[in-house]
């Protein structure tokens, strides 16, 4: 089954990737045709990350709030996705492939990209090829780029949400690594939310929705 889902529809599908099937969840806002779409990357698969992670589903909900469809997908070797963990390289290529698939469905409607933790690293790795209308990174694991740093800085509106008390990905290290960006992200730095925003998911949903609404209003 191809195409964007109908208003309010939630659909699971598989898309052919270079390492086998890519398991995806595609959903649309209630009561209206999608005005765009958000592609969301999940946290590290070797530490339990899947497309059903609650920060990932919260980003999808923010897209629905803004009138946009959302696509989440499982990285290689997770759930129904084929292949094996590729340390972000193959995952970024899969992200590019899914962005191309979504654009075929969207026509001239905007495509945005988001990622949480390891998924933020994957989104940053893929964004230069995808060139999304906006980028949202939540506690992105920028350290995975190593000493060479981010290979290409984002040129689109970029929101980075990172809790001050994150004990998994250091806010201070991320701010230092991203300080040299040609176009620095807009930072949202909530207090007492931790890495996974337990009980504080509105601190992800609200700013993400606000950015995405600027795309749906354009």
N, C-alpha and C. Protein backbone atom coordinates (compact mmCIF):
# COMPACT_ATOMS: atom_id res chain seq x y z
N UNK A 1 0.85 -1.19 0.00
CA UNK A 1 0.00 0.00 0.00
C UNK A 1 0.89 1.24 0.00
N UNK A 2 0.64 2.14 -0.93
CA UNK A 2 1.45 3.34 -1.05
C UNK A 2 0.60 4.58 -0.74
N UNK A 3 1.27 5.72 -0.68
CA UNK A 3 0.57 6.97 -0.45
C UNK A 3 0.49 7.32 1.02
N UNK A 4 0.16 8.60 1.29
CA UNK A 4 -0.01 9.04 2.66
C UNK A 4 -1.31 8.47 3.23
N UNK A 5 -1.36 8.25 4.53
CA UNK A 5 -2.58 7.71 5.14
C UNK A 5 -3.70 8.76 5.13
N UNK A 6 -4.92 8.27 5.23
CA UNK A 6 -6.08 9.15 5.34
C UNK A 6 -6.07 9.83 6.71
N UNK A 7 -6.81 10.92 6.86
CA UNK A 7 -6.86 11.60 8.17
C UNK A 7 -7.18 10.64 9.30
N UNK A 8 -6.36 10.67 10.34
CA UNK A 8 -6.56 9.82 11.50
C UNK A 8 -6.08 8.39 11.36
N UNK A 9 -5.62 8.00 10.17
CA UNK A 9 -5.21 6.61 9.94
C UNK A 9 -3.82 6.36 10.50
N UNK A 10 -3.61 5.15 11.04
CA UNK A 10 -2.31 4.68 11.50
C UNK A 10 -2.00 3.41 10.73
N UNK A 11 -0.85 3.35 10.12
CA UNK A 11 -0.54 2.24 9.23
C UNK A 11 0.88 1.73 9.48
N UNK A 12 1.06 0.43 9.50
CA UNK A 12 2.38 -0.19 9.51
C UNK A 12 2.67 -0.69 8.10
N UNK A 13 3.87 -0.46 7.61
CA UNK A 13 4.24 -0.90 6.28
C UNK A 13 5.73 -1.20 6.24
N UNK A 14 6.14 -1.92 5.21
CA UNK A 14 7.56 -2.17 4.98
C UNK A 14 7.94 -1.59 3.63
N UNK A 15 9.12 -1.02 3.59
CA UNK A 15 9.67 -0.43 2.37
C UNK A 15 11.01 -1.10 2.09
N UNK A 16 11.25 -1.43 0.84
CA UNK A 16 12.49 -2.10 0.47
C UNK A 16 13.69 -1.20 0.70
N UNK A 17 14.69 -1.71 1.44
CA UNK A 17 15.93 -0.97 1.66
C UNK A 17 17.11 -1.76 1.16
N UNK A 18 18.29 -1.17 1.24
CA UNK A 18 19.47 -1.84 0.71
C UNK A 18 19.87 -3.05 1.54
N UNK A 19 19.43 -3.12 2.80
CA UNK A 19 19.75 -4.27 3.66
C UNK A 19 18.53 -5.15 3.91
N UNK A 20 17.45 -4.91 3.17
CA UNK A 20 16.23 -5.68 3.36
C UNK A 20 15.06 -4.77 3.70
N UNK A 21 14.03 -5.34 4.27
CA UNK A 21 12.84 -4.56 4.62
C UNK A 21 13.18 -3.49 5.64
N UNK A 22 12.51 -2.34 5.52
CA UNK A 22 12.53 -1.30 6.56
C UNK A 22 11.11 -1.22 7.11
N UNK A 23 10.96 -1.56 8.38
CA UNK A 23 9.64 -1.52 9.02
C UNK A 23 9.31 -0.09 9.43
N UNK A 24 8.15 0.39 9.01
CA UNK A 24 7.77 1.78 9.23
C UNK A 24 6.38 1.87 9.86
N UNK A 25 6.15 2.96 10.55
CA UNK A 25 4.82 3.33 11.03
C UNK A 25 4.50 4.70 10.45
N UNK A 26 3.39 4.78 9.73
CA UNK A 26 3.00 6.01 9.05
C UNK A 26 1.64 6.42 9.57
N UNK A 27 1.51 7.67 9.98
CA UNK A 27 0.27 8.12 10.62
C UNK A 27 -0.06 9.53 10.17
N UNK A 28 -1.34 9.86 10.23
CA UNK A 28 -1.81 11.18 9.78
C UNK A 28 -2.61 11.85 10.88
N UNK A 29 -2.68 13.18 10.86
CA UNK A 29 -3.49 13.88 11.87
C UNK A 29 -4.98 13.61 11.66
N UNK A 30 -5.74 13.78 12.71
CA UNK A 30 -7.19 13.60 12.62
C UNK A 30 -7.84 14.81 11.95
N UNK A 31 -8.84 14.55 11.15
CA UNK A 31 -9.70 15.61 10.69
C UNK A 31 -9.20 16.46 9.54
N UNK A 32 -8.05 16.13 8.98
CA UNK A 32 -7.53 16.95 7.89
C UNK A 32 -6.50 16.16 7.09
N UNK A 33 -6.37 16.55 5.82
CA UNK A 33 -5.31 15.99 5.01
C UNK A 33 -3.96 16.51 5.51
N UNK A 34 -2.92 15.68 5.51
CA UNK A 34 -1.61 16.17 5.98
C UNK A 34 -1.09 17.32 5.12
N UNK A 35 -0.56 18.33 5.78
CA UNK A 35 0.01 19.47 5.07
C UNK A 35 1.52 19.32 4.88
N UNK A 36 2.07 18.22 5.32
CA UNK A 36 3.49 17.91 5.21
C UNK A 36 3.75 16.63 5.97
N UNK A 37 5.01 16.33 6.22
CA UNK A 37 5.35 15.11 6.95
C UNK A 37 6.63 15.29 7.74
N UNK A 38 6.73 14.54 8.82
CA UNK A 38 7.93 14.49 9.66
C UNK A 38 8.46 13.06 9.67
N UNK A 39 9.74 12.90 9.38
CA UNK A 39 10.43 11.61 9.44
C UNK A 39 11.25 11.59 10.72
N UNK A 40 11.07 10.55 11.57
CA UNK A 40 11.66 10.53 12.91
C UNK A 40 12.58 9.32 13.07
N UNK A 41 13.79 9.56 13.61
CA UNK A 41 14.80 8.52 13.84
C UNK A 41 14.88 8.20 15.34
N UNK A 42 14.98 6.91 15.67
CA UNK A 42 14.89 6.47 17.07
C UNK A 42 16.27 6.33 17.74
N UNK A 43 16.29 6.11 19.06
CA UNK A 43 17.56 5.98 19.79
C UNK A 43 18.30 4.68 19.49
N UNK A 44 19.42 4.51 20.15
CA UNK A 44 20.38 3.45 19.81
C UNK A 44 19.75 2.06 19.91
N UNK A 45 19.80 1.28 18.83
CA UNK A 45 19.15 -0.04 18.85
C UNK A 45 19.84 -1.05 19.76
N UNK A 46 21.11 -0.87 20.03
CA UNK A 46 21.81 -1.81 20.90
C UNK A 46 21.51 -1.56 22.38
N UNK A 47 20.78 -0.49 22.67
CA UNK A 47 20.39 -0.18 24.05
C UNK A 47 18.86 -0.11 24.16
N UNK A 48 18.18 -0.84 23.28
CA UNK A 48 16.73 -0.95 23.38
C UNK A 48 15.93 0.06 22.58
N UNK A 49 16.59 0.88 21.77
CA UNK A 49 15.88 1.89 21.00
C UNK A 49 15.06 1.30 19.86
N UNK A 50 13.83 1.74 19.74
CA UNK A 50 12.96 1.33 18.63
C UNK A 50 12.12 2.53 18.21
N UNK A 51 11.38 2.34 17.11
CA UNK A 51 10.52 3.43 16.64
C UNK A 51 9.34 3.68 17.58
N UNK A 52 9.11 2.79 18.56
CA UNK A 52 8.04 2.99 19.53
C UNK A 52 8.52 3.65 20.82
N UNK A 53 9.75 4.12 20.84
CA UNK A 53 10.26 4.90 21.98
C UNK A 53 9.33 6.09 22.22
N UNK A 54 9.13 6.45 23.47
CA UNK A 54 8.12 7.46 23.78
C UNK A 54 8.51 8.87 23.33
N UNK A 55 9.80 9.18 23.27
CA UNK A 55 10.20 10.49 22.73
C UNK A 55 9.93 10.53 21.23
N UNK A 56 10.19 9.41 20.56
CA UNK A 56 9.93 9.32 19.12
C UNK A 56 8.44 9.47 18.84
N UNK A 57 7.60 8.76 19.59
CA UNK A 57 6.16 8.88 19.38
C UNK A 57 5.65 10.26 19.77
N UNK A 58 6.31 10.91 20.72
CA UNK A 58 5.94 12.28 21.06
C UNK A 58 6.25 13.24 19.92
N UNK A 59 7.37 13.05 19.25
CA UNK A 59 7.69 13.87 18.08
C UNK A 59 6.65 13.65 16.98
N UNK A 60 6.23 12.40 16.80
CA UNK A 60 5.18 12.12 15.82
C UNK A 60 3.88 12.82 16.21
N UNK A 61 3.56 12.83 17.50
CA UNK A 61 2.35 13.51 17.96
C UNK A 61 2.44 15.02 17.72
N UNK A 62 3.63 15.58 17.90
CA UNK A 62 3.82 17.01 17.61
C UNK A 62 3.55 17.30 16.14
N UNK A 63 3.98 16.39 15.26
CA UNK A 63 3.69 16.56 13.84
C UNK A 63 2.18 16.56 13.60
N UNK A 64 1.46 15.64 14.23
CA UNK A 64 0.00 15.60 14.08
C UNK A 64 -0.62 16.90 14.58
N UNK A 65 -0.13 17.41 15.70
CA UNK A 65 -0.64 18.68 16.23
C UNK A 65 -0.51 19.80 15.19
N UNK A 66 0.55 19.74 14.40
CA UNK A 66 0.82 20.76 13.39
C UNK A 66 0.16 20.44 12.05
N UNK A 67 -0.65 19.38 12.00
CA UNK A 67 -1.34 19.02 10.77
C UNK A 67 -0.51 18.21 9.80
N UNK A 68 0.58 17.61 10.28
CA UNK A 68 1.49 16.87 9.42
C UNK A 68 1.40 15.37 9.68
N UNK A 69 1.67 14.58 8.65
CA UNK A 69 1.84 13.14 8.82
C UNK A 69 3.18 12.88 9.51
N UNK A 70 3.34 11.68 10.03
CA UNK A 70 4.60 11.29 10.68
C UNK A 70 4.98 9.89 10.24
N UNK A 71 6.27 9.72 9.95
CA UNK A 71 6.81 8.38 9.68
C UNK A 71 7.91 8.08 10.68
N UNK A 72 7.72 6.97 11.42
CA UNK A 72 8.77 6.41 12.27
C UNK A 72 9.24 5.13 11.61
N UNK A 73 10.49 4.74 11.87
CA UNK A 73 10.97 3.50 11.26
C UNK A 73 11.98 2.83 12.17
N UNK A 74 12.04 1.50 12.07
CA UNK A 74 13.02 0.74 12.84
C UNK A 74 14.33 0.64 12.07
N UNK A 75 15.40 0.91 12.79
CA UNK A 75 16.73 0.78 12.19
C UNK A 75 17.02 -0.69 11.86
N UNK A 76 18.08 -0.91 11.17
CA UNK A 76 18.47 -2.26 10.73
C UNK A 76 18.59 -3.21 11.92
N UNK A 77 17.97 -4.38 11.76
CA UNK A 77 18.03 -5.40 12.79
C UNK A 77 17.07 -5.21 13.94
N UNK A 78 16.21 -4.20 13.85
CA UNK A 78 15.25 -3.92 14.93
C UNK A 78 13.86 -4.28 14.44
N UNK A 79 13.09 -5.02 15.25
CA UNK A 79 11.73 -5.37 14.87
C UNK A 79 11.69 -6.10 13.55
N UNK A 80 10.89 -5.61 12.62
CA UNK A 80 10.76 -6.23 11.32
C UNK A 80 11.72 -5.70 10.27
N UNK A 81 12.70 -4.89 10.65
CA UNK A 81 13.67 -4.37 9.69
C UNK A 81 14.82 -5.35 9.49
N UNK A 82 15.22 -5.54 8.24
CA UNK A 82 16.31 -6.45 7.94
C UNK A 82 17.67 -5.84 8.20
N UNK A 83 18.71 -6.64 7.98
CA UNK A 83 20.07 -6.16 8.14
C UNK A 83 20.54 -6.20 9.58
N UNK A 84 21.65 -5.54 9.83
CA UNK A 84 22.26 -5.49 11.16
C UNK A 84 22.75 -4.07 11.43
N UNK A 85 22.90 -3.76 12.71
CA UNK A 85 23.36 -2.43 13.13
C UNK A 85 24.62 -2.04 12.36
N UNK A 86 24.64 -0.82 11.83
CA UNK A 86 25.75 -0.36 10.99
C UNK A 86 26.37 0.93 11.52
N UNK A 87 26.24 1.17 12.82
CA UNK A 87 26.90 2.30 13.49
C UNK A 87 26.52 3.65 12.90
N UNK A 88 25.33 3.72 12.32
CA UNK A 88 24.82 4.98 11.80
C UNK A 88 25.00 5.18 10.32
N UNK A 89 25.91 4.43 9.71
CA UNK A 89 26.18 4.66 8.28
C UNK A 89 25.00 4.18 7.43
N UNK A 90 24.69 2.90 7.52
CA UNK A 90 23.56 2.37 6.77
C UNK A 90 22.24 2.97 7.23
N UNK A 91 22.14 3.27 8.52
CA UNK A 91 20.92 3.87 9.04
C UNK A 91 20.66 5.24 8.40
N UNK A 92 21.73 6.01 8.20
CA UNK A 92 21.57 7.31 7.54
C UNK A 92 21.14 7.13 6.08
N UNK A 93 21.68 6.13 5.41
CA UNK A 93 21.28 5.88 4.02
C UNK A 93 19.81 5.44 3.96
N UNK A 94 19.38 4.63 4.93
CA UNK A 94 17.98 4.24 4.98
C UNK A 94 17.09 5.46 5.22
N UNK A 95 17.55 6.38 6.05
CA UNK A 95 16.81 7.60 6.31
C UNK A 95 16.64 8.41 5.03
N UNK A 96 17.69 8.51 4.25
CA UNK A 96 17.63 9.22 2.96
C UNK A 96 16.63 8.54 2.03
N UNK A 97 16.67 7.21 1.97
CA UNK A 97 15.75 6.47 1.11
C UNK A 97 14.30 6.73 1.52
N UNK A 98 14.01 6.72 2.82
CA UNK A 98 12.65 6.95 3.28
C UNK A 98 12.21 8.39 3.02
N UNK A 99 13.14 9.33 3.14
CA UNK A 99 12.81 10.72 2.82
C UNK A 99 12.44 10.85 1.35
N UNK A 100 13.15 10.15 0.49
CA UNK A 100 12.81 10.18 -0.94
C UNK A 100 11.42 9.58 -1.17
N UNK A 101 11.12 8.47 -0.48
CA UNK A 101 9.80 7.85 -0.61
C UNK A 101 8.71 8.81 -0.17
N UNK A 102 8.92 9.47 0.98
CA UNK A 102 7.93 10.41 1.47
C UNK A 102 7.73 11.57 0.51
N UNK A 103 8.81 12.07 -0.04
CA UNK A 103 8.67 13.20 -0.98
C UNK A 103 7.85 12.82 -2.20
N UNK A 104 7.94 11.58 -2.63
CA UNK A 104 7.12 11.13 -3.75
C UNK A 104 5.64 11.19 -3.40
N UNK A 105 5.32 10.98 -2.13
CA UNK A 105 3.92 11.03 -1.69
C UNK A 105 3.47 12.47 -1.42
N UNK A 106 4.39 13.31 -1.01
CA UNK A 106 4.05 14.66 -0.55
C UNK A 106 3.87 15.66 -1.68
N UNK A 107 4.52 15.45 -2.80
CA UNK A 107 4.51 16.47 -3.84
C UNK A 107 5.27 17.70 -3.35
N UNK A 108 4.61 18.86 -3.37
CA UNK A 108 5.29 20.09 -2.97
C UNK A 108 5.08 20.43 -1.50
N UNK A 109 4.49 19.52 -0.72
CA UNK A 109 4.32 19.77 0.70
C UNK A 109 5.64 19.53 1.44
N UNK A 110 5.89 20.24 2.55
CA UNK A 110 7.20 20.18 3.21
C UNK A 110 7.47 18.87 3.94
N UNK A 111 8.74 18.50 3.95
CA UNK A 111 9.22 17.35 4.71
C UNK A 111 10.20 17.85 5.76
N UNK A 112 9.96 17.47 7.01
CA UNK A 112 10.85 17.79 8.12
C UNK A 112 11.49 16.50 8.63
N UNK A 113 12.59 16.65 9.37
CA UNK A 113 13.37 15.51 9.86
C UNK A 113 13.64 15.70 11.34
N UNK A 114 13.57 14.60 12.11
CA UNK A 114 13.83 14.67 13.55
C UNK A 114 14.53 13.40 14.01
N UNK A 115 15.21 13.50 15.14
CA UNK A 115 15.85 12.32 15.71
C UNK A 115 16.15 12.54 17.18
N UNK A 116 16.10 11.45 17.94
CA UNK A 116 16.36 11.47 19.38
C UNK A 116 17.59 10.64 19.70
N UNK A 117 18.54 11.23 20.43
CA UNK A 117 19.73 10.56 20.92
C UNK A 117 20.56 10.02 19.74
N UNK A 118 20.78 8.71 19.64
CA UNK A 118 21.47 8.16 18.46
C UNK A 118 20.73 8.53 17.19
N UNK A 119 19.41 8.60 17.26
CA UNK A 119 18.63 9.03 16.10
C UNK A 119 18.91 10.47 15.71
N UNK A 120 19.27 11.30 16.68
CA UNK A 120 19.68 12.67 16.36
C UNK A 120 20.98 12.69 15.58
N UNK A 121 21.90 11.80 15.96
CA UNK A 121 23.15 11.62 15.20
C UNK A 121 22.85 11.18 13.78
N UNK A 122 21.94 10.21 13.60
CA UNK A 122 21.58 9.73 12.27
C UNK A 122 20.94 10.85 11.46
N UNK A 123 20.04 11.61 12.09
CA UNK A 123 19.39 12.71 11.38
C UNK A 123 20.41 13.76 10.93
N UNK A 124 21.36 14.09 11.79
CA UNK A 124 22.40 15.04 11.42
C UNK A 124 23.27 14.50 10.28
N UNK A 125 23.52 13.20 10.29
CA UNK A 125 24.32 12.59 9.23
C UNK A 125 23.60 12.60 7.89
N UNK A 126 22.26 12.53 7.93
CA UNK A 126 21.48 12.42 6.70
C UNK A 126 20.96 13.76 6.18
N UNK A 127 20.92 14.80 7.02
CA UNK A 127 20.20 16.01 6.66
C UNK A 127 20.79 16.75 5.46
N UNK A 128 22.10 16.66 5.25
CA UNK A 128 22.68 17.39 4.12
C UNK A 128 22.18 16.84 2.79
N UNK A 129 21.95 15.54 2.73
CA UNK A 129 21.42 14.92 1.50
C UNK A 129 19.92 15.15 1.40
N UNK A 130 19.22 15.01 2.50
CA UNK A 130 17.77 15.15 2.49
C UNK A 130 17.33 16.60 2.29
N UNK A 131 18.07 17.54 2.89
CA UNK A 131 17.71 18.96 2.86
C UNK A 131 16.26 19.18 3.29
N UNK A 132 15.91 18.78 4.52
CA UNK A 132 14.54 18.94 4.98
C UNK A 132 14.19 20.41 5.17
N UNK A 133 12.90 20.67 5.29
CA UNK A 133 12.45 22.04 5.51
C UNK A 133 12.78 22.51 6.93
N UNK A 134 12.93 21.57 7.86
CA UNK A 134 13.32 21.88 9.24
C UNK A 134 13.92 20.63 9.86
N UNK A 135 14.75 20.83 10.88
CA UNK A 135 15.42 19.73 11.58
C UNK A 135 15.18 19.88 13.07
N UNK A 136 14.80 18.78 13.73
CA UNK A 136 14.63 18.76 15.18
C UNK A 136 15.51 17.65 15.74
N UNK A 137 16.44 18.00 16.62
CA UNK A 137 17.26 17.00 17.28
C UNK A 137 17.01 17.08 18.78
N UNK A 138 16.75 15.93 19.39
CA UNK A 138 16.51 15.86 20.83
C UNK A 138 17.69 15.10 21.45
N UNK A 139 18.47 15.79 22.28
CA UNK A 139 19.66 15.20 22.90
C UNK A 139 20.47 14.40 21.89
N UNK A 140 20.88 15.02 20.77
CA UNK A 140 21.57 14.27 19.73
C UNK A 140 22.93 13.77 20.20
N UNK A 141 23.25 12.52 19.86
CA UNK A 141 24.51 11.91 20.28
C UNK A 141 25.62 12.33 19.31
N UNK A 142 25.97 13.60 19.35
CA UNK A 142 26.92 14.17 18.40
C UNK A 142 28.31 13.54 18.54
N UNK A 143 28.61 13.01 19.73
CA UNK A 143 29.93 12.42 19.96
C UNK A 143 30.22 11.27 18.99
N UNK A 144 29.20 10.64 18.43
CA UNK A 144 29.43 9.54 17.49
C UNK A 144 30.12 9.98 16.22
N UNK A 145 30.11 11.27 15.93
CA UNK A 145 30.84 11.76 14.76
C UNK A 145 32.35 11.71 14.96
N UNK A 146 32.79 11.60 16.21
CA UNK A 146 34.22 11.55 16.48
C UNK A 146 34.89 12.91 16.36
N UNK A 147 36.19 12.90 16.26
CA UNK A 147 36.95 14.15 16.26
C UNK A 147 36.70 14.98 15.01
N UNK A 148 36.30 14.35 13.91
CA UNK A 148 36.08 15.11 12.68
C UNK A 148 34.83 15.98 12.76
N UNK A 149 33.93 15.67 13.67
CA UNK A 149 32.74 16.48 13.86
C UNK A 149 31.68 16.25 12.79
N UNK A 150 30.62 17.03 12.86
CA UNK A 150 29.51 16.91 11.91
C UNK A 150 30.02 17.20 10.51
N UNK A 151 29.81 16.29 9.55
CA UNK A 151 30.41 16.47 8.21
C UNK A 151 29.84 17.65 7.43
N UNK A 152 28.58 18.03 7.66
CA UNK A 152 27.98 19.17 6.97
C UNK A 152 26.95 19.79 7.90
N UNK A 153 27.08 21.09 8.13
CA UNK A 153 26.18 21.75 9.07
C UNK A 153 24.81 21.97 8.43
N UNK A 154 23.75 21.84 9.20
CA UNK A 154 22.41 22.11 8.68
C UNK A 154 22.27 23.55 8.19
N UNK A 155 21.52 23.71 7.12
CA UNK A 155 21.26 25.03 6.53
C UNK A 155 19.81 25.44 6.68
N UNK A 156 19.01 24.59 7.33
CA UNK A 156 17.59 24.83 7.49
C UNK A 156 17.29 25.23 8.93
N UNK A 157 16.10 25.72 9.25
CA UNK A 157 15.74 25.95 10.65
C UNK A 157 15.99 24.69 11.48
N UNK A 158 16.68 24.86 12.61
CA UNK A 158 17.15 23.72 13.38
C UNK A 158 16.88 23.97 14.85
N UNK A 159 16.09 23.09 15.45
CA UNK A 159 15.76 23.15 16.86
C UNK A 159 16.47 22.01 17.58
N UNK A 160 17.17 22.32 18.65
CA UNK A 160 17.84 21.30 19.45
C UNK A 160 17.28 21.37 20.88
N UNK A 161 16.61 20.29 21.29
CA UNK A 161 16.01 20.19 22.62
C UNK A 161 16.91 19.29 23.46
N UNK A 162 17.39 19.81 24.59
CA UNK A 162 18.36 19.03 25.38
C UNK A 162 18.21 19.43 26.84
N UNK A 163 17.81 18.48 27.67
CA UNK A 163 17.63 18.75 29.09
C UNK A 163 18.96 19.10 29.75
N UNK A 164 18.90 20.06 30.66
CA UNK A 164 20.12 20.47 31.35
C UNK A 164 20.71 19.35 32.19
N UNK A 165 19.85 18.48 32.73
CA UNK A 165 20.33 17.43 33.63
C UNK A 165 20.45 16.07 32.92
N UNK A 166 20.59 16.08 31.61
CA UNK A 166 20.76 14.83 30.85
C UNK A 166 22.01 14.10 31.34
N UNK A 167 21.83 12.85 31.78
CA UNK A 167 22.96 12.08 32.30
C UNK A 167 23.44 11.01 31.31
N UNK A 168 22.95 11.07 30.07
CA UNK A 168 23.39 10.13 29.03
C UNK A 168 24.19 10.86 27.97
N UNK A 169 23.67 11.96 27.46
CA UNK A 169 24.37 12.79 26.48
C UNK A 169 24.61 14.15 27.13
N UNK A 170 25.87 14.55 27.22
CA UNK A 170 26.23 15.76 27.93
C UNK A 170 25.79 17.02 27.17
N UNK A 171 25.01 17.86 27.83
CA UNK A 171 24.61 19.13 27.23
C UNK A 171 25.84 20.01 26.98
N UNK A 172 26.74 20.08 27.94
CA UNK A 172 27.91 20.94 27.79
C UNK A 172 28.77 20.52 26.60
N UNK A 173 28.98 19.21 26.45
CA UNK A 173 29.78 18.73 25.33
C UNK A 173 29.08 19.00 24.00
N UNK A 174 27.77 18.81 23.97
CA UNK A 174 27.05 19.07 22.73
C UNK A 174 27.09 20.54 22.36
N UNK A 175 26.91 21.42 23.33
CA UNK A 175 26.95 22.85 23.02
C UNK A 175 28.32 23.25 22.51
N UNK A 176 29.37 22.65 23.09
CA UNK A 176 30.72 22.96 22.61
C UNK A 176 30.93 22.43 21.20
N UNK A 177 30.46 21.21 20.92
CA UNK A 177 30.64 20.63 19.59
C UNK A 177 29.84 21.37 18.52
N UNK A 178 28.68 21.89 18.89
CA UNK A 178 27.82 22.54 17.91
C UNK A 178 28.02 24.05 17.84
N UNK A 179 28.92 24.57 18.68
CA UNK A 179 29.12 26.02 18.73
C UNK A 179 29.69 26.56 17.42
N UNK A 180 30.41 25.71 16.67
CA UNK A 180 31.04 26.19 15.44
C UNK A 180 30.14 26.02 14.22
N UNK A 181 28.89 25.61 14.42
CA UNK A 181 27.98 25.43 13.29
C UNK A 181 27.82 26.73 12.52
N UNK A 182 27.78 26.62 11.20
CA UNK A 182 27.59 27.81 10.36
C UNK A 182 26.28 28.51 10.70
N UNK A 183 25.26 27.72 10.97
CA UNK A 183 23.96 28.24 11.40
C UNK A 183 23.58 27.48 12.66
N UNK A 184 23.81 28.08 13.80
CA UNK A 184 23.64 27.39 15.08
C UNK A 184 22.18 27.02 15.31
N UNK A 185 21.93 25.93 16.02
CA UNK A 185 20.54 25.57 16.33
C UNK A 185 19.92 26.55 17.32
N UNK A 186 18.62 26.56 17.34
CA UNK A 186 17.91 27.24 18.42
C UNK A 186 17.77 26.23 19.55
N UNK A 187 18.28 26.59 20.71
CA UNK A 187 18.31 25.66 21.84
C UNK A 187 17.07 25.80 22.71
N UNK A 188 16.51 24.67 23.10
CA UNK A 188 15.51 24.59 24.17
C UNK A 188 16.15 23.73 25.25
N UNK A 189 16.37 24.30 26.44
CA UNK A 189 17.11 23.61 27.50
C UNK A 189 16.23 23.55 28.75
N UNK A 190 15.34 22.57 28.82
CA UNK A 190 14.46 22.45 29.99
C UNK A 190 15.22 21.96 31.22
N UNK A 191 14.66 22.25 32.37
CA UNK A 191 15.22 21.82 33.65
C UNK A 191 14.55 20.52 34.10
N UNK A 192 15.30 19.67 34.78
CA UNK A 192 14.77 18.48 35.47
C UNK A 192 13.92 17.60 34.55
N UNK A 193 14.48 17.27 33.39
CA UNK A 193 13.77 16.40 32.45
C UNK A 193 14.54 15.12 32.18
N UNK A 194 15.86 15.12 32.38
CA UNK A 194 16.66 13.94 32.11
C UNK A 194 16.74 13.62 30.63
N UNK A 195 17.43 12.54 30.31
CA UNK A 195 17.62 12.18 28.90
C UNK A 195 16.32 11.74 28.25
N UNK A 196 15.47 11.03 29.00
CA UNK A 196 14.27 10.42 28.42
C UNK A 196 12.99 11.22 28.69
N UNK A 197 13.10 12.36 29.35
CA UNK A 197 11.96 13.25 29.58
C UNK A 197 10.80 12.52 30.28
N UNK A 198 11.14 11.67 31.25
CA UNK A 198 10.11 10.93 31.99
C UNK A 198 9.13 11.91 32.63
N UNK A 199 7.87 11.76 32.29
CA UNK A 199 6.84 12.62 32.86
C UNK A 199 6.89 14.05 32.38
N UNK A 200 7.78 14.37 31.43
CA UNK A 200 7.94 15.76 30.96
C UNK A 200 7.93 15.83 29.44
N UNK A 201 7.20 14.94 28.81
CA UNK A 201 7.25 14.85 27.35
C UNK A 201 6.70 16.09 26.66
N UNK A 202 5.92 16.89 27.38
CA UNK A 202 5.44 18.15 26.78
C UNK A 202 6.60 19.10 26.47
N UNK A 203 7.73 18.89 27.14
CA UNK A 203 8.91 19.73 26.88
C UNK A 203 9.55 19.40 25.54
N UNK A 204 9.20 18.26 24.99
CA UNK A 204 9.58 17.92 23.61
C UNK A 204 8.46 18.31 22.65
N UNK A 205 7.24 17.95 23.01
CA UNK A 205 6.11 18.12 22.09
C UNK A 205 5.83 19.59 21.78
N UNK A 206 5.85 20.44 22.77
CA UNK A 206 5.43 21.83 22.56
C UNK A 206 6.38 22.60 21.65
N UNK A 207 7.70 22.60 21.89
CA UNK A 207 8.57 23.34 20.97
C UNK A 207 8.66 22.70 19.60
N UNK A 208 8.58 21.36 19.52
CA UNK A 208 8.59 20.71 18.21
C UNK A 208 7.36 21.12 17.41
N UNK A 209 6.20 21.11 18.06
CA UNK A 209 4.97 21.53 17.38
C UNK A 209 5.08 22.98 16.90
N UNK A 210 5.63 23.86 17.72
CA UNK A 210 5.73 25.26 17.34
C UNK A 210 6.56 25.44 16.08
N UNK A 211 7.67 24.72 15.98
CA UNK A 211 8.49 24.82 14.77
C UNK A 211 7.74 24.25 13.57
N UNK A 212 7.13 23.08 13.72
CA UNK A 212 6.45 22.45 12.60
C UNK A 212 5.25 23.27 12.13
N UNK A 213 4.61 23.99 13.04
CA UNK A 213 3.49 24.84 12.64
C UNK A 213 3.94 25.96 11.71
N UNK A 214 5.19 26.39 11.83
CA UNK A 214 5.67 27.42 10.90
C UNK A 214 5.76 26.88 9.48
N UNK A 215 5.98 25.56 9.34
CA UNK A 215 6.03 24.95 8.01
C UNK A 215 4.62 24.77 7.46
N UNK A 216 3.70 24.31 8.30
CA UNK A 216 2.34 24.05 7.83
C UNK A 216 1.59 25.33 7.52
N UNK A 217 2.07 26.46 8.09
CA UNK A 217 1.41 27.75 7.83
C UNK A 217 1.99 28.44 6.60
N UNK A 218 3.12 27.94 6.11
CA UNK A 218 3.80 28.62 4.99
C UNK A 218 3.01 28.48 3.70
